[in-house]
């Protein structure tokens, strides 16, 4: 059983929290299942709106899935969260990704 299957099984047994959803989203992202990743990452930030790493990966997954507008929104929300938490590195990274998308648009 691979990691994706393990995370899916944990979710199926009723476990549901931000870390599990982030982990499953990350596993889907690595498998290039970007729409599935975005779905799980949206659930992660619904569980914990202050989870800046989930916002960052959500933006990346949406961008890879072709949803530039959604990615821009996720990055903007993620930057606000990261700055409020003092997570400077995550904020800087999301700002770079955001600028790239805005320039490409």
C-alpha atoms as a PDB file:
ATOM      1  CA  UNK A   1       0.000   0.000   0.000  1.00  0.00           C
ATOM      2  CA  UNK A   2       1.477   3.351  -1.019  1.00  0.00           C
ATOM      3  CA  UNK A   3       1.189   6.580   0.963  1.00  0.00           C
ATOM      4  CA  UNK A   4      -1.751   7.866  -1.060  1.00  0.00           C
ATOM      5  CA  UNK A   5      -3.693   4.684  -0.358  1.00  0.00           C
ATOM      6  CA  UNK A   6      -2.813   4.871   3.343  1.00  0.00           C
ATOM      7  CA  UNK A   7      -4.074   8.449   3.591  1.00  0.00           C
ATOM      8  CA  UNK A   8      -7.236   7.556   1.671  1.00  0.00           C
ATOM      9  CA  UNK A   9      -7.813   4.618   4.003  1.00  0.00           C
ATOM     10  CA  UNK A  10      -7.354   6.814   7.082  1.00  0.00           C
ATOM     11  CA  UNK A  11      -9.895   9.275   5.684  1.00  0.00           C
ATOM     12  CA  UNK A  12     -12.308   6.432   4.899  1.00  0.00           C
ATOM     13  CA  UNK A  13     -12.127   5.226   8.513  1.00  0.00           C
ATOM     14  CA  UNK A  14     -13.389   8.574   9.753  1.00  0.00           C
ATOM     15  CA  UNK A  15     -10.147  10.343  10.523  1.00  0.00           C
ATOM     16  CA  UNK A  16     -10.380  13.863   9.200  1.00  0.00           C
ATOM     17  CA  UNK A  17      -8.164  16.784  10.085  1.00  0.00           C
ATOM     18  CA  UNK A  18      -6.055  19.450   8.426  1.00  0.00           C
ATOM     19  CA  UNK A  19      -2.819  17.452   8.533  1.00  0.00           C
ATOM     20  CA  UNK A  20      -4.385  14.352   6.957  1.00  0.00           C
ATOM     21  CA  UNK A  21      -6.014  16.414   4.211  1.00  0.00           C
ATOM     22  CA  UNK A  22      -2.732  18.258   3.590  1.00  0.00           C
ATOM     23  CA  UNK A  23      -0.824  14.976   3.455  1.00  0.00           C
ATOM     24  CA  UNK A  24      -3.300  13.441   1.009  1.00  0.00           C
ATOM     25  CA  UNK A  25      -3.278  16.607  -1.094  1.00  0.00           C
ATOM     26  CA  UNK A  26       0.510  16.547  -1.160  1.00  0.00           C
ATOM     27  CA  UNK A  27       0.498  12.882  -2.196  1.00  0.00           C
ATOM     28  CA  UNK A  28      -1.943  13.636  -5.028  1.00  0.00           C
ATOM     29  CA  UNK A  29       0.187  16.620  -6.078  1.00  0.00           C
ATOM     30  CA  UNK A  30       3.271  14.408  -6.313  1.00  0.00           C
ATOM     31  CA  UNK A  31       1.248  12.023  -8.509  1.00  0.00           C
ATOM     32  CA  UNK A  32       0.268  15.016 -10.698  1.00  0.00           C
ATOM     33  CA  UNK A  33      -3.390  14.591  -9.727  1.00  0.00           C
ATOM     34  CA  UNK A  34      -3.743  18.339  -9.369  1.00  0.00           C
ATOM     35  CA  UNK A  35      -7.546  18.613  -9.214  1.00  0.00           C
ATOM     36  CA  UNK A  36      -7.668  15.905  -6.520  1.00  0.00           C
ATOM     37  CA  UNK A  37      -4.857  17.662  -4.668  1.00  0.00           C
ATOM     38  CA  UNK A  38      -6.724  20.968  -4.765  1.00  0.00           C
ATOM     39  CA  UNK A  39      -9.863  19.328  -3.373  1.00  0.00           C
ATOM     40  CA  UNK A  40      -7.960  17.906  -0.395  1.00  0.00           C
ATOM     41  CA  UNK A  41      -6.049  21.125   0.201  1.00  0.00           C
ATOM     42  CA  UNK A  42      -9.283  23.130   0.210  1.00  0.00           C
ATOM     43  CA  UNK A  43     -10.494  20.745   2.907  1.00  0.00           C
ATOM     44  CA  UNK A  44      -7.232  21.252   4.831  1.00  0.00           C
ATOM     45  CA  UNK A  45      -7.657  25.033   4.935  1.00  0.00           C
ATOM     46  CA  UNK A  46     -11.335  24.603   5.820  1.00  0.00           C
ATOM     47  CA  UNK A  47     -10.204  22.621   8.876  1.00  0.00           C
ATOM     48  CA  UNK A  48      -7.438  25.096   9.698  1.00  0.00           C
ATOM     49  CA  UNK A  49      -7.602  28.458   7.897  1.00  0.00           C
ATOM     50  CA  UNK A  50      -4.230  29.381   9.461  1.00  0.00           C
ATOM     51  CA  UNK A  51      -2.345  26.521   7.739  1.00  0.00           C
ATOM     52  CA  UNK A  52      -0.025  28.555   5.493  1.00  0.00           C
ATOM     53  CA  UNK A  53       1.702  25.507   3.973  1.00  0.00           C
ATOM     54  CA  UNK A  54      -1.683  24.208   2.830  1.00  0.00           C
ATOM     55  CA  UNK A  55      -2.510  27.566   1.237  1.00  0.00           C
ATOM     56  CA  UNK A  56       0.808  27.534  -0.616  1.00  0.00           C
ATOM     57  CA  UNK A  57       0.327  24.020  -1.957  1.00  0.00           C
ATOM     58  CA  UNK A  58      -3.312  24.781  -2.807  1.00  0.00           C
ATOM     59  CA  UNK A  59      -2.146  27.666  -4.969  1.00  0.00           C
ATOM     60  CA  UNK A  60       0.381  25.453  -6.707  1.00  0.00           C
ATOM     61  CA  UNK A  61      -2.162  22.662  -7.296  1.00  0.00           C
ATOM     62  CA  UNK A  62      -4.726  25.086  -8.714  1.00  0.00           C
ATOM     63  CA  UNK A  63      -2.120  26.653 -10.998  1.00  0.00           C
ATOM     64  CA  UNK A  64      -1.059  23.218 -12.253  1.00  0.00           C
ATOM     65  CA  UNK A  65      -4.712  22.292 -12.789  1.00  0.00           C
ATOM     66  CA  UNK A  66      -5.107  25.342 -15.018  1.00  0.00           C
ATOM     67  CA  UNK A  67      -7.139  27.444 -12.571  1.00  0.00           C
ATOM     68  CA  UNK A  68      -4.995  30.591 -12.510  1.00  0.00           C
ATOM     69  CA  UNK A  69      -7.748  32.724 -10.947  1.00  0.00           C
ATOM     70  CA  UNK A  70      -8.236  30.186  -8.166  1.00  0.00           C
ATOM     71  CA  UNK A  71      -4.494  29.971  -7.610  1.00  0.00           C
ATOM     72  CA  UNK A  72      -4.202  33.754  -7.386  1.00  0.00           C
ATOM     73  CA  UNK A  73      -6.988  33.851  -4.801  1.00  0.00           C
ATOM     74  CA  UNK A  74      -5.405  31.022  -2.787  1.00  0.00           C
ATOM     75  CA  UNK A  75      -2.035  32.775  -2.810  1.00  0.00           C
ATOM     76  CA  UNK A  76      -3.580  36.074  -1.703  1.00  0.00           C
ATOM     77  CA  UNK A  77      -5.384  34.384   1.182  1.00  0.00           C
ATOM     78  CA  UNK A  78      -2.288  32.362   2.025  1.00  0.00           C
ATOM     79  CA  UNK A  79      -0.065  35.441   2.065  1.00  0.00           C
ATOM     80  CA  UNK A  80      -2.451  37.184   4.469  1.00  0.00           C
ATOM     81  CA  UNK A  81      -2.452  34.116   6.739  1.00  0.00           C
ATOM     82  CA  UNK A  82       1.323  33.705   6.605  1.00  0.00           C
ATOM     83  CA  UNK A  83       1.940  37.374   7.368  1.00  0.00           C
ATOM     84  CA  UNK A  84      -0.500  37.326  10.278  1.00  0.00           C
ATOM     85  CA  UNK A  85       1.309  34.288  11.697  1.00  0.00           C
ATOM     86  CA  UNK A  86       4.782  35.703  11.101  1.00  0.00           C
ATOM     87  CA  UNK A  87       5.570  32.921   8.620  1.00  0.00           C
ATOM     88  CA  UNK A  88       7.831  35.090   6.472  1.00  0.00           C
ATOM     89  CA  UNK A  89       9.277  32.322   4.306  1.00  0.00           C
ATOM     90  CA  UNK A  90       5.873  31.010   3.230  1.00  0.00           C
ATOM     91  CA  UNK A  91       4.705  34.555   2.550  1.00  0.00           C
ATOM     92  CA  UNK A  92       7.730  35.302   0.365  1.00  0.00           C
ATOM     93  CA  UNK A  93       7.346  32.075  -1.598  1.00  0.00           C
ATOM     94  CA  UNK A  94       3.650  32.691  -2.239  1.00  0.00           C
ATOM     95  CA  UNK A  95       4.388  36.275  -3.303  1.00  0.00           C
ATOM     96  CA  UNK A  96       6.834  34.971  -5.920  1.00  0.00           C
ATOM     97  CA  UNK A  97       4.291  32.436  -7.239  1.00  0.00           C
ATOM     98  CA  UNK A  98       1.582  35.109  -7.235  1.00  0.00           C
ATOM     99  CA  UNK A  99       3.698  37.578  -9.225  1.00  0.00           C
ATOM    100  CA  UNK A 100       4.503  34.900 -11.799  1.00  0.00           C
ATOM    101  CA  UNK A 101       0.819  34.133 -12.288  1.00  0.00           C
ATOM    102  CA  UNK A 102      -0.150  37.780 -12.480  1.00  0.00           C
ATOM    103  CA  UNK A 103       2.549  38.426 -15.107  1.00  0.00           C
ATOM    104  CA  UNK A 104       1.482  35.389 -17.142  1.00  0.00           C
ATOM    105  CA  UNK A 105      -2.175  36.434 -17.012  1.00  0.00           C
END
